[in-house]
Amino acid sequence: MPVDVTVITVVRNALEKGRRRMLLQNLDSVQKQIGVVVEPLLIDGASCDGTLTLLRSYAQDVGNVRIYSGKDDGI
């Protein structure tokens, strides 16, 4: 099925900063969009606190999620 929109979420060490719930709310909100085919694109800045594991687990459950992870140079 063709994608109508890609929603990019950028994250790094969300669990360490106590933002697990906020991240999951974001991901769930993207999935609940009606009337469009949404492709979630998750960009992880080389998290070292379990965030990437959470994202991969979420992607496996949902199925249409792309994840990229690696060290970046910041903004």
C-alpha atoms as a PDB file:
ATOM      1  CA  MET A   1       0.000   0.000   0.000  1.00  0.00           C
ATOM      2  CA  PRO A   2       1.467   3.412  -0.917  1.00  0.00           C
ATOM      3  CA  VAL A   3       2.381   5.728   1.935  1.00  0.00           C
ATOM      4  CA  ASP A   4       0.554   9.072   2.166  1.00  0.00           C
ATOM      5  CA  VAL A   5       2.782  10.628   4.823  1.00  0.00           C
ATOM      6  CA  THR A   6       5.951   9.824   6.743  1.00  0.00           C
ATOM      7  CA  VAL A   7       6.056  10.974  10.353  1.00  0.00           C
ATOM      8  CA  ILE A   8       9.584  11.379  11.679  1.00  0.00           C
ATOM      9  CA  THR A   9      10.246  11.023  15.394  1.00  0.00           C
ATOM     10  CA  VAL A  10      13.739  11.815  16.636  1.00  0.00           C
ATOM     11  CA  VAL A  11      14.779  10.469  20.014  1.00  0.00           C
ATOM     12  CA  ARG A  12      17.821   9.808  22.164  1.00  0.00           C
ATOM     13  CA  ASN A  13      17.851   8.215  25.610  1.00  0.00           C
ATOM     14  CA  ALA A  14      14.129   8.765  26.216  1.00  0.00           C
ATOM     15  CA  LEU A  15      14.035   6.177  28.985  1.00  0.00           C
ATOM     16  CA  GLU A  16      16.915   7.761  30.857  1.00  0.00           C
ATOM     17  CA  LYS A  17      15.106  11.082  30.836  1.00  0.00           C
ATOM     18  CA  GLY A  18      11.834   9.581  32.096  1.00  0.00           C
ATOM     19  CA  ARG A  19      10.051  10.051  28.784  1.00  0.00           C
ATOM     20  CA  ARG A  20       8.995   6.476  28.045  1.00  0.00           C
ATOM     21  CA  ARG A  21       5.295   7.260  28.396  1.00  0.00           C
ATOM     22  CA  MET A  22       5.591  10.365  26.217  1.00  0.00           C
ATOM     23  CA  LEU A  23       7.427   8.427  23.499  1.00  0.00           C
ATOM     24  CA  LEU A  24       4.837   5.637  23.503  1.00  0.00           C
ATOM     25  CA  GLN A  25       2.011   8.196  23.338  1.00  0.00           C
ATOM     26  CA  ASN A  26       3.692   9.760  20.321  1.00  0.00           C
ATOM     27  CA  LEU A  27       4.065   6.422  18.548  1.00  0.00           C
ATOM     28  CA  ASP A  28       0.494   5.386  19.324  1.00  0.00           C
ATOM     29  CA  SER A  29      -0.854   8.731  18.097  1.00  0.00           C
ATOM     30  CA  VAL A  30       0.898   8.278  14.764  1.00  0.00           C
ATOM     31  CA  GLN A  31      -0.572   4.786  14.367  1.00  0.00           C
ATOM     32  CA  LYS A  32      -4.120   5.966  15.151  1.00  0.00           C
ATOM     33  CA  GLN A  33      -4.362   8.368  12.218  1.00  0.00           C
ATOM     34  CA  ILE A  34      -7.445   7.707  10.098  1.00  0.00           C
ATOM     35  CA  GLY A  35      -7.837   8.294   6.385  1.00  0.00           C
ATOM     36  CA  VAL A  36      -4.133   8.228   5.520  1.00  0.00           C
ATOM     37  CA  VAL A  37      -1.448   5.583   5.263  1.00  0.00           C
ATOM     38  CA  VAL A  38       1.236   6.649   7.721  1.00  0.00           C
ATOM     39  CA  GLU A  39       4.825   5.453   7.736  1.00  0.00           C
ATOM     40  CA  PRO A  40       6.526   6.083  11.088  1.00  0.00           C
ATOM     41  CA  LEU A  41      10.247   6.794  10.739  1.00  0.00           C
ATOM     42  CA  LEU A  42      12.095   6.625  14.043  1.00  0.00           C
ATOM     43  CA  ILE A  43      15.526   8.239  14.227  1.00  0.00           C
ATOM     44  CA  ASP A  44      17.491   7.232  17.310  1.00  0.00           C
ATOM     45  CA  GLY A  45      20.658   9.126  18.187  1.00  0.00           C
ATOM     46  CA  ALA A  46      22.555   6.053  19.432  1.00  0.00           C
ATOM     47  CA  SER A  47      20.641   5.703  22.684  1.00  0.00           C
ATOM     48  CA  CYS A  48      22.369   3.722  25.403  1.00  0.00           C
ATOM     49  CA  ASP A  49      19.501   3.394  27.886  1.00  0.00           C
ATOM     50  CA  GLY A  50      17.211   0.822  26.265  1.00  0.00           C
ATOM     51  CA  THR A  51      15.319   3.280  24.051  1.00  0.00           C
ATOM     52  CA  LEU A  52      16.416   1.495  20.879  1.00  0.00           C
ATOM     53  CA  THR A  53      15.243  -1.843  22.286  1.00  0.00           C
ATOM     54  CA  LEU A  54      11.851  -0.291  23.030  1.00  0.00           C
ATOM     55  CA  LEU A  55      11.634   1.148  19.509  1.00  0.00           C
ATOM     56  CA  ARG A  56      12.532  -2.183  17.913  1.00  0.00           C
ATOM     57  CA  SER A  57       9.946  -4.001  20.014  1.00  0.00           C
ATOM     58  CA  TYR A  58       7.305  -1.444  19.038  1.00  0.00           C
ATOM     59  CA  ALA A  59       8.255  -1.727  15.358  1.00  0.00           C
ATOM     60  CA  GLN A  60       7.996  -5.505  15.510  1.00  0.00           C
ATOM     61  CA  ASP A  61       4.502  -5.268  17.007  1.00  0.00           C
ATOM     62  CA  VAL A  62       3.254  -2.620  14.554  1.00  0.00           C
ATOM     63  CA  GLY A  63       5.001  -3.794  11.409  1.00  0.00           C
ATOM     64  CA  ASN A  64       5.224  -0.708   9.211  1.00  0.00           C
ATOM     65  CA  VAL A  65       7.881   1.234  11.136  1.00  0.00           C
ATOM     66  CA  ARG A  66      11.362   2.144   9.905  1.00  0.00           C
ATOM     67  CA  ILE A  67      14.149   2.710  12.427  1.00  0.00           C
ATOM     68  CA  TYR A  68      17.563   4.260  11.967  1.00  0.00           C
ATOM     69  CA  SER A  69      20.031   4.500  14.804  1.00  0.00           C
ATOM     70  CA  GLY A  70      23.497   5.888  14.999  1.00  0.00           C
ATOM     71  CA  LYS A  71      25.677   8.596  16.425  1.00  0.00           C
ATOM     72  CA  ASP A  72      24.893  11.993  15.030  1.00  0.00           C
ATOM     73  CA  ASP A  73      26.381  15.458  15.219  1.00  0.00           C
ATOM     74  CA  GLY A  74      23.372  17.039  16.910  1.00  0.00           C
ATOM     75  CA  ILE A  75      21.433  19.905  15.438  1.00  0.00           C
END
